[in-house]
Amino acid sequence: MARSVNKVILIGNLGRDAETKFTPQGIAVSRFSIATTRRIKDSATGDWKDETDWNNVVLWRNENLAQYLTKGKQVYIEGRLQTRSYEDKDGVKKYSTEVIAEEVMLLGGRGEGGEGGGGGAMQSAPRSAAQRPAPQGASAGGGGGKFDDFDPGISDDDVPF
C-alpha cells in the first residue's frame, strides 16, 4: 500500500488575535491567521519584493495557549492541511483549507513588547518530551517543550518577515 504525507511547518507572524470558542461538548477551538513572507527578486526590475501568504490555523483543546497568541507575535506551527466544504447563506458550496495545528511554539520577535524576547516556547500537542525530538541547540533536559538555553544566533533583522 502506498503511503502519503500531510505535514505543514510554518514560521510567521499572527495577523490577528486568536479567537477561542467552545463546542457544545465544551472543547476549546481557537482560530487565527498567520502571515508567512518570502523575498523574491523581480526579474524585470531586479528589485527585491516581499510576497506574503496568509494561512488560517485551527488549534484544538488549548484555550490556555490561545491567550498568548496575539497579533504580531512570531510563531512556529506544525500540523496538517484540512479542506472542508460548507454552503454559504445563498446555498453556494464553498471550500476552506486550514492548517490543523498539532504543535505551536511562541518565538521571539515582533509583538514581544517588554518580555525581553528570546523565545519562550509552548507546545500544543499532548506529546511527552520523550516522544518529541529536541531541536538543535535546545538544552538536553527538554523542559517539556521550553527552550531555556536556546539561542538561534539570529536577530529580527535576519528574518525576512
N, C-alpha and C. Protein backbone atom coordinates (compact mmCIF):
# COMPACT_ATOMS: atom_id res chain seq x y z
N MET A 1 0.84 -1.18 0.00
CA MET A 1 0.00 0.00 0.00
C MET A 1 0.89 1.25 0.00
N ALA A 2 0.50 2.23 -0.79
CA ALA A 2 1.27 3.47 -0.88
C ALA A 2 1.01 4.35 0.34
N ARG A 3 2.04 5.03 0.78
CA ARG A 3 1.93 5.95 1.91
C ARG A 3 1.70 7.35 1.39
N SER A 4 1.21 8.20 2.25
CA SER A 4 1.06 9.61 1.91
C SER A 4 1.46 10.44 3.12
N VAL A 5 1.72 11.71 2.87
CA VAL A 5 2.15 12.62 3.93
C VAL A 5 1.33 13.90 3.83
N ASN A 6 0.84 14.36 4.94
CA ASN A 6 0.14 15.64 5.02
C ASN A 6 0.75 16.38 6.20
N LYS A 7 1.79 17.16 5.95
CA LYS A 7 2.52 17.85 7.01
C LYS A 7 2.80 19.28 6.59
N VAL A 8 2.55 20.19 7.50
CA VAL A 8 2.78 21.61 7.26
C VAL A 8 3.66 22.14 8.38
N ILE A 9 4.68 22.91 8.02
CA ILE A 9 5.50 23.61 9.00
C ILE A 9 5.55 25.07 8.57
N LEU A 10 5.15 25.96 9.46
CA LEU A 10 5.13 27.39 9.16
C LEU A 10 5.80 28.16 10.29
N ILE A 11 6.56 29.18 9.93
CA ILE A 11 7.04 30.17 10.88
C ILE A 11 6.61 31.51 10.33
N GLY A 12 5.84 32.23 11.11
CA GLY A 12 5.33 33.51 10.63
C GLY A 12 4.79 34.33 11.77
N ASN A 13 4.08 35.39 11.41
CA ASN A 13 3.53 36.31 12.39
C ASN A 13 2.02 36.25 12.37
N LEU A 14 1.43 36.32 13.56
CA LEU A 14 -0.02 36.28 13.66
C LEU A 14 -0.63 37.56 13.10
N GLY A 15 -1.64 37.41 12.28
CA GLY A 15 -2.30 38.55 11.66
C GLY A 15 -3.40 39.13 12.53
N ARG A 16 -3.86 38.36 13.49
CA ARG A 16 -4.90 38.82 14.41
C ARG A 16 -4.82 37.99 15.68
N ASP A 17 -5.45 38.45 16.74
CA ASP A 17 -5.50 37.69 17.98
C ASP A 17 -6.30 36.41 17.76
N ALA A 18 -5.90 35.35 18.43
CA ALA A 18 -6.65 34.10 18.36
C ALA A 18 -8.02 34.29 18.98
N GLU A 19 -9.03 33.69 18.34
CA GLU A 19 -10.39 33.71 18.87
C GLU A 19 -10.70 32.30 19.33
N THR A 20 -11.12 32.16 20.58
CA THR A 20 -11.43 30.84 21.12
C THR A 20 -12.92 30.73 21.37
N LYS A 21 -13.49 29.63 20.86
CA LYS A 21 -14.90 29.30 21.09
C LYS A 21 -14.94 27.87 21.61
N PHE A 22 -16.09 27.46 22.10
CA PHE A 22 -16.24 26.13 22.64
C PHE A 22 -17.35 25.38 21.92
N THR A 23 -17.10 24.10 21.65
CA THR A 23 -18.12 23.26 21.04
C THR A 23 -19.20 22.97 22.09
N PRO A 24 -20.35 22.45 21.67
CA PRO A 24 -21.38 22.10 22.67
C PRO A 24 -20.88 21.09 23.72
N GLN A 25 -19.86 20.33 23.39
CA GLN A 25 -19.28 19.38 24.33
C GLN A 25 -18.24 20.03 25.26
N GLY A 26 -17.98 21.34 25.09
CA GLY A 26 -17.05 22.07 25.94
C GLY A 26 -15.60 22.01 25.48
N ILE A 27 -15.35 21.60 24.25
CA ILE A 27 -13.98 21.52 23.72
C ILE A 27 -13.61 22.87 23.11
N ALA A 28 -12.44 23.38 23.50
CA ALA A 28 -11.98 24.68 23.02
C ALA A 28 -11.45 24.56 21.58
N VAL A 29 -11.83 25.53 20.74
CA VAL A 29 -11.34 25.63 19.37
C VAL A 29 -10.87 27.06 19.17
N SER A 30 -9.56 27.23 18.94
CA SER A 30 -9.00 28.56 18.70
C SER A 30 -8.67 28.70 17.23
N ARG A 31 -8.94 29.86 16.67
CA ARG A 31 -8.66 30.15 15.27
C ARG A 31 -7.86 31.45 15.17
N PHE A 32 -6.90 31.45 14.25
CA PHE A 32 -6.11 32.65 14.00
C PHE A 32 -5.50 32.54 12.62
N SER A 33 -4.96 33.65 12.14
CA SER A 33 -4.30 33.65 10.83
C SER A 33 -2.81 33.92 11.04
N ILE A 34 -2.01 33.38 10.14
CA ILE A 34 -0.57 33.56 10.21
C ILE A 34 -0.06 34.00 8.84
N ALA A 35 0.81 35.00 8.85
CA ALA A 35 1.41 35.52 7.62
C ALA A 35 2.83 34.99 7.49
N THR A 36 3.13 34.42 6.34
CA THR A 36 4.50 34.00 6.03
C THR A 36 4.95 34.80 4.82
N THR A 37 6.17 35.30 4.87
CA THR A 37 6.67 36.19 3.84
C THR A 37 7.97 35.64 3.27
N ARG A 38 8.10 35.73 1.96
CA ARG A 38 9.36 35.36 1.32
C ARG A 38 9.79 36.49 0.42
N ARG A 39 11.11 36.60 0.23
CA ARG A 39 11.66 37.65 -0.63
C ARG A 39 11.92 37.05 -2.00
N ILE A 40 11.45 37.75 -3.02
CA ILE A 40 11.69 37.32 -4.39
C ILE A 40 12.28 38.49 -5.17
N LYS A 41 13.08 38.15 -6.16
CA LYS A 41 13.69 39.18 -6.98
C LYS A 41 12.87 39.31 -8.27
N ASP A 42 12.42 40.52 -8.53
CA ASP A 42 11.65 40.80 -9.74
C ASP A 42 12.60 40.70 -10.93
N SER A 43 12.32 39.78 -11.84
CA SER A 43 13.21 39.56 -12.98
C SER A 43 13.24 40.76 -13.93
N ALA A 44 12.16 41.53 -13.97
CA ALA A 44 12.11 42.68 -14.88
C ALA A 44 12.90 43.87 -14.34
N THR A 45 12.76 44.16 -13.05
CA THR A 45 13.39 45.36 -12.48
C THR A 45 14.65 45.04 -11.67
N GLY A 46 14.78 43.79 -11.22
CA GLY A 46 15.91 43.44 -10.37
C GLY A 46 15.73 43.83 -8.92
N ASP A 47 14.57 44.40 -8.58
CA ASP A 47 14.28 44.80 -7.21
C ASP A 47 13.79 43.60 -6.39
N TRP A 48 14.11 43.63 -5.11
CA TRP A 48 13.62 42.61 -4.20
C TRP A 48 12.24 43.01 -3.70
N LYS A 49 11.32 42.05 -3.67
CA LYS A 49 9.96 42.30 -3.20
C LYS A 49 9.58 41.23 -2.18
N ASP A 50 8.74 41.61 -1.25
CA ASP A 50 8.20 40.67 -0.28
C ASP A 50 6.88 40.13 -0.81
N GLU A 51 6.73 38.82 -0.72
CA GLU A 51 5.49 38.16 -1.11
C GLU A 51 4.94 37.46 0.12
N THR A 52 3.74 37.85 0.55
CA THR A 52 3.16 37.33 1.78
C THR A 52 2.00 36.39 1.48
N ASP A 53 1.99 35.26 2.15
CA ASP A 53 0.87 34.31 2.09
C ASP A 53 0.21 34.27 3.46
N TRP A 54 -1.12 34.14 3.44
CA TRP A 54 -1.89 34.07 4.67
C TRP A 54 -2.49 32.68 4.81
N ASN A 55 -2.39 32.10 6.00
CA ASN A 55 -2.97 30.80 6.28
C ASN A 55 -3.84 30.88 7.52
N ASN A 56 -4.99 30.23 7.45
CA ASN A 56 -5.86 30.13 8.62
C ASN A 56 -5.48 28.89 9.40
N VAL A 57 -5.38 29.03 10.72
CA VAL A 57 -4.94 27.96 11.59
C VAL A 57 -6.03 27.66 12.62
N VAL A 58 -6.23 26.36 12.87
CA VAL A 58 -7.19 25.91 13.88
C VAL A 58 -6.42 25.13 14.93
N LEU A 59 -6.63 25.47 16.18
CA LEU A 59 -5.96 24.84 17.31
C LEU A 59 -7.01 24.30 18.26
N TRP A 60 -7.01 23.00 18.48
CA TRP A 60 -8.00 22.35 19.34
C TRP A 60 -7.46 22.16 20.75
N ARG A 61 -8.34 22.29 21.74
CA ARG A 61 -8.11 21.92 23.14
C ARG A 61 -6.95 22.66 23.81
N ASN A 62 -6.71 23.90 23.47
CA ASN A 62 -5.61 24.65 24.07
C ASN A 62 -6.01 26.09 24.37
N GLU A 63 -7.08 26.26 25.12
CA GLU A 63 -7.55 27.61 25.43
C GLU A 63 -6.55 28.40 26.25
N ASN A 64 -5.69 27.72 27.02
CA ASN A 64 -4.69 28.44 27.81
C ASN A 64 -3.60 29.04 26.92
N LEU A 65 -3.23 28.36 25.86
CA LEU A 65 -2.22 28.87 24.94
C LEU A 65 -2.77 30.03 24.11
N ALA A 66 -4.04 29.97 23.77
CA ALA A 66 -4.64 30.96 22.89
C ALA A 66 -4.51 32.39 23.42
N GLN A 67 -4.49 32.57 24.73
CA GLN A 67 -4.38 33.92 25.28
C GLN A 67 -3.05 34.59 24.94
N TYR A 68 -2.03 33.78 24.60
CA TYR A 68 -0.71 34.31 24.23
C TYR A 68 -0.57 34.53 22.72
N LEU A 69 -1.53 34.06 21.96
CA LEU A 69 -1.47 34.17 20.51
C LEU A 69 -2.12 35.49 20.09
N THR A 70 -1.32 36.55 20.13
CA THR A 70 -1.83 37.88 19.83
C THR A 70 -1.19 38.42 18.56
N LYS A 71 -1.88 39.35 17.94
CA LYS A 71 -1.46 39.93 16.68
C LYS A 71 0.01 40.37 16.73
N GLY A 72 0.77 39.99 15.70
CA GLY A 72 2.15 40.39 15.57
C GLY A 72 3.15 39.40 16.14
N LYS A 73 2.72 38.50 17.03
CA LYS A 73 3.65 37.53 17.63
C LYS A 73 4.16 36.57 16.56
N GLN A 74 5.42 36.21 16.69
CA GLN A 74 6.01 35.24 15.78
C GLN A 74 5.82 33.84 16.37
N VAL A 75 5.35 32.90 15.53
CA VAL A 75 5.06 31.56 16.00
C VAL A 75 5.58 30.50 15.03
N TYR A 76 5.84 29.33 15.58
CA TYR A 76 6.16 28.13 14.81
C TYR A 76 4.92 27.25 14.89
N ILE A 77 4.43 26.83 13.73
CA ILE A 77 3.24 25.99 13.66
C ILE A 77 3.61 24.71 12.92
N GLU A 78 3.22 23.59 13.48
CA GLU A 78 3.39 22.31 12.80
C GLU A 78 2.04 21.62 12.84
N GLY A 79 1.62 21.09 11.71
CA GLY A 79 0.32 20.44 11.68
C GLY A 79 0.05 19.81 10.33
N ARG A 80 -1.23 19.81 9.95
CA ARG A 80 -1.65 19.20 8.69
C ARG A 80 -2.69 20.08 8.01
N LEU A 81 -2.83 19.91 6.70
CA LEU A 81 -3.84 20.64 5.95
C LEU A 81 -5.16 19.88 5.99
N GLN A 82 -6.25 20.63 6.10
CA GLN A 82 -7.57 20.03 6.03
C GLN A 82 -8.47 20.95 5.22
N THR A 83 -9.15 20.39 4.25
CA THR A 83 -10.10 21.15 3.45
C THR A 83 -11.50 20.69 3.81
N ARG A 84 -12.37 21.65 4.05
CA ARG A 84 -13.76 21.33 4.35
C ARG A 84 -14.66 22.13 3.43
N SER A 85 -15.87 21.68 3.27
CA SER A 85 -16.82 22.39 2.43
C SER A 85 -18.05 22.74 3.26
N TYR A 86 -18.71 23.80 2.83
CA TYR A 86 -19.92 24.25 3.50
C TYR A 86 -20.74 25.05 2.48
N GLU A 87 -21.99 25.28 2.81
CA GLU A 87 -22.84 26.11 1.95
C GLU A 87 -23.01 27.47 2.61
N ASP A 88 -22.80 28.53 1.80
CA ASP A 88 -22.99 29.88 2.35
C ASP A 88 -24.48 30.18 2.45
N LYS A 89 -24.80 31.39 2.88
CA LYS A 89 -26.20 31.76 3.12
C LYS A 89 -27.05 31.72 1.85
N ASP A 90 -26.40 31.80 0.67
CA ASP A 90 -27.13 31.75 -0.59
C ASP A 90 -27.18 30.33 -1.16
N GLY A 91 -26.67 29.35 -0.42
CA GLY A 91 -26.71 27.97 -0.87
C GLY A 91 -25.57 27.59 -1.82
N VAL A 92 -24.57 28.45 -1.96
CA VAL A 92 -23.43 28.18 -2.82
C VAL A 92 -22.40 27.39 -2.03
N LYS A 93 -21.90 26.29 -2.62
CA LYS A 93 -20.91 25.46 -1.94
C LYS A 93 -19.55 26.16 -1.95
N LYS A 94 -18.96 26.29 -0.77
CA LYS A 94 -17.66 26.94 -0.59
C LYS A 94 -16.69 25.93 0.01
N TYR A 95 -15.41 26.18 -0.24
CA TYR A 95 -14.36 25.33 0.31
C TYR A 95 -13.40 26.18 1.12
N SER A 96 -12.89 25.60 2.20
CA SER A 96 -11.94 26.30 3.05
C SER A 96 -10.82 25.33 3.42
N THR A 97 -9.57 25.75 3.18
CA THR A 97 -8.43 24.94 3.57
C THR A 97 -7.77 25.60 4.77
N GLU A 98 -7.55 24.82 5.81
CA GLU A 98 -6.98 25.33 7.06
C GLU A 98 -5.82 24.43 7.49
N VAL A 99 -4.95 25.01 8.31
CA VAL A 99 -3.90 24.24 8.96
C VAL A 99 -4.43 23.81 10.31
N ILE A 100 -4.49 22.51 10.55
CA ILE A 100 -4.89 21.99 11.85
C ILE A 100 -3.59 21.84 12.65
N ALA A 101 -3.40 22.72 13.63
CA ALA A 101 -2.15 22.78 14.38
C ALA A 101 -2.05 21.62 15.36
N GLU A 102 -0.90 20.96 15.33
CA GLU A 102 -0.60 19.91 16.30
C GLU A 102 0.50 20.36 17.25
N GLU A 103 1.29 21.33 16.82
CA GLU A 103 2.40 21.86 17.63
C GLU A 103 2.42 23.37 17.40
N VAL A 104 2.47 24.13 18.48
CA VAL A 104 2.55 25.58 18.40
C VAL A 104 3.61 26.04 19.39
N MET A 105 4.56 26.85 18.90
CA MET A 105 5.57 27.42 19.78
C MET A 105 5.64 28.92 19.56
N LEU A 106 5.64 29.66 20.65
CA LEU A 106 5.84 31.11 20.57
C LEU A 106 7.32 31.36 20.39
N LEU A 107 7.66 32.21 19.44
CA LEU A 107 9.05 32.57 19.19
C LEU A 107 9.28 34.02 19.56
N GLY A 108 10.53 34.41 19.72
CA GLY A 108 10.85 35.81 19.97
C GLY A 108 10.59 36.59 18.70
N GLY A 109 10.48 37.88 18.82
CA GLY A 109 10.27 38.69 17.62
C GLY A 109 9.22 39.73 17.86
N ARG A 110 8.57 40.13 16.78
CA ARG A 110 7.57 41.19 16.85
C ARG A 110 6.50 40.86 17.87
N GLY A 111 6.00 41.87 18.50
CA GLY A 111 4.91 41.71 19.44
C GLY A 111 5.35 41.24 20.82
N GLU A 112 6.65 41.09 21.06
CA GLU A 112 7.11 40.61 22.35
C GLU A 112 7.04 41.69 23.43
N GLY A 113 7.01 42.94 23.01
CA GLY A 113 6.90 44.03 23.98
C GLY A 113 8.06 44.03 24.95
N GLY A 114 7.78 44.18 26.24
CA GLY A 114 8.80 44.24 27.27
C GLY A 114 9.19 42.88 27.83
N GLU A 115 8.85 41.79 27.17
CA GLU A 115 9.14 40.48 27.70
C GLU A 115 10.58 40.08 27.50
N GLY A 116 11.37 40.87 26.83
CA GLY A 116 12.78 40.57 26.67
C GLY A 116 13.12 39.71 25.48
N GLY A 117 12.13 39.27 24.71
CA GLY A 117 12.42 38.45 23.53
C GLY A 117 13.06 37.14 23.92
N GLY A 118 13.75 36.51 22.98
CA GLY A 118 14.48 35.30 23.29
C GLY A 118 13.72 34.04 22.98
N GLY A 119 12.44 33.98 23.18
CA GLY A 119 11.70 32.84 22.71
C GLY A 119 11.28 31.84 23.76
N GLY A 120 10.40 32.21 24.65
CA GLY A 120 9.78 31.20 25.48
C GLY A 120 8.89 30.37 24.58
N ALA A 121 8.97 29.05 24.68
CA ALA A 121 8.21 28.20 23.77
C ALA A 121 7.13 27.46 24.53
N MET A 122 6.01 27.24 23.86
CA MET A 122 4.94 26.45 24.43
C MET A 122 4.50 25.47 23.38
N GLN A 123 4.08 24.31 23.80
CA GLN A 123 3.64 23.33 22.84
C GLN A 123 2.16 23.11 22.99
N SER A 124 1.52 22.68 21.90
CA SER A 124 0.10 22.43 21.97
C SER A 124 -0.23 20.95 21.95
N ALA A 125 0.65 20.15 21.38
CA ALA A 125 0.35 18.74 21.26
C ALA A 125 0.57 18.03 22.59
N PRO A 126 -0.26 17.05 22.91
CA PRO A 126 -0.10 16.35 24.17
C PRO A 126 0.96 15.27 24.11
N ARG A 127 2.11 15.57 23.53
CA ARG A 127 3.21 14.61 23.45
C ARG A 127 4.11 14.80 24.66
N SER A 128 4.74 13.72 25.08
CA SER A 128 5.71 13.85 26.17
C SER A 128 7.04 14.26 25.57
N ALA A 129 7.94 14.75 26.42
CA ALA A 129 9.25 15.18 25.95
C ALA A 129 10.02 14.01 25.36
N ALA A 130 9.78 12.79 25.83
CA ALA A 130 10.49 11.62 25.31
C ALA A 130 10.05 11.30 23.89
N GLN A 131 8.83 11.63 23.50
CA GLN A 131 8.33 11.34 22.16
C GLN A 131 8.76 12.40 21.16
N ARG A 132 9.11 13.59 21.63
CA ARG A 132 9.39 14.71 20.75
C ARG A 132 10.89 14.89 20.62
N PRO A 133 11.42 14.90 19.38
CA PRO A 133 12.86 15.12 19.24
C PRO A 133 13.21 16.54 19.65
N ALA A 134 14.35 16.69 20.33
CA ALA A 134 14.80 18.01 20.77
C ALA A 134 15.40 18.76 19.59
N PRO A 135 15.01 20.02 19.37
CA PRO A 135 15.60 20.82 18.30
C PRO A 135 17.07 21.08 18.58
N GLN A 136 17.83 21.33 17.52
CA GLN A 136 19.24 21.63 17.69
C GLN A 136 19.38 22.87 18.55
N GLY A 137 20.33 22.83 19.47
CA GLY A 137 20.58 23.99 20.33
C GLY A 137 19.73 24.01 21.58
N ALA A 138 18.78 23.08 21.70
CA ALA A 138 17.94 23.06 22.90
C ALA A 138 18.69 22.38 24.02
N SER A 139 18.36 22.73 25.23
CA SER A 139 19.01 22.11 26.37
C SER A 139 18.65 20.64 26.44
N ALA A 140 19.55 19.82 26.96
CA ALA A 140 19.35 18.38 26.99
C ALA A 140 18.18 17.98 27.85
N GLY A 141 17.85 18.78 28.85
CA GLY A 141 16.75 18.44 29.75
C GLY A 141 15.40 18.52 29.09
N GLY A 142 15.25 19.24 28.01
CA GLY A 142 13.99 19.33 27.30
C GLY A 142 13.00 20.26 27.96
N GLY A 143 12.80 20.15 29.26
CA GLY A 143 11.92 21.06 29.98
C GLY A 143 10.49 21.01 29.52
N GLY A 144 10.05 19.89 28.90
CA GLY A 144 8.66 19.78 28.47
C GLY A 144 8.31 20.76 27.38
N GLY A 145 9.22 21.05 26.47
CA GLY A 145 8.92 21.95 25.37
C GLY A 145 9.41 23.36 25.60
N LYS A 146 10.03 23.66 26.70
CA LYS A 146 10.53 25.00 26.99
C LYS A 146 12.03 25.04 26.72
N PHE A 147 12.49 25.93 25.88
CA PHE A 147 13.88 26.00 25.49
C PHE A 147 14.57 27.09 26.30
N ASP A 148 15.09 26.71 27.45
CA ASP A 148 15.70 27.68 28.35
C ASP A 148 17.01 28.23 27.83
N ASP A 149 17.82 27.38 27.18
CA ASP A 149 19.14 27.79 26.74
C ASP A 149 19.22 27.94 25.23
N PHE A 150 18.11 28.05 24.55
CA PHE A 150 18.10 28.10 23.10
C PHE A 150 18.48 29.48 22.60
N ASP A 151 19.53 29.55 21.79
CA ASP A 151 19.98 30.80 21.18
C ASP A 151 20.24 30.53 19.71
N PRO A 152 19.29 30.90 18.82
CA PRO A 152 19.46 30.59 17.42
C PRO A 152 20.56 31.39 16.74
N GLY A 153 21.07 32.45 17.36
CA GLY A 153 22.15 33.23 16.77
C GLY A 153 21.70 34.16 15.66
N ILE A 154 20.40 34.43 15.54
CA ILE A 154 19.91 35.37 14.55
C ILE A 154 19.05 36.42 15.25
N SER A 155 18.89 37.53 14.61
CA SER A 155 18.07 38.58 15.16
C SER A 155 16.88 38.82 14.24
N ASP A 156 16.00 39.72 14.64
CA ASP A 156 14.83 40.04 13.81
C ASP A 156 15.25 40.58 12.45
N ASP A 157 16.41 41.23 12.38
CA ASP A 157 16.87 41.79 11.10
C ASP A 157 17.25 40.71 10.10
N ASP A 158 17.55 39.50 10.58
CA ASP A 158 17.92 38.40 9.70
C ASP A 158 16.73 37.69 9.10
N VAL A 159 15.54 37.88 9.68
CA VAL A 159 14.34 37.18 9.23
C VAL A 159 13.59 38.10 8.26
N PRO A 160 13.15 37.55 7.10
CA PRO A 160 12.55 38.41 6.07
C PRO A 160 11.11 38.81 6.32
N PHE A 161 10.52 38.52 7.48
CA PHE A 161 9.15 38.93 7.73
C PHE A 161 9.00 39.58 9.07
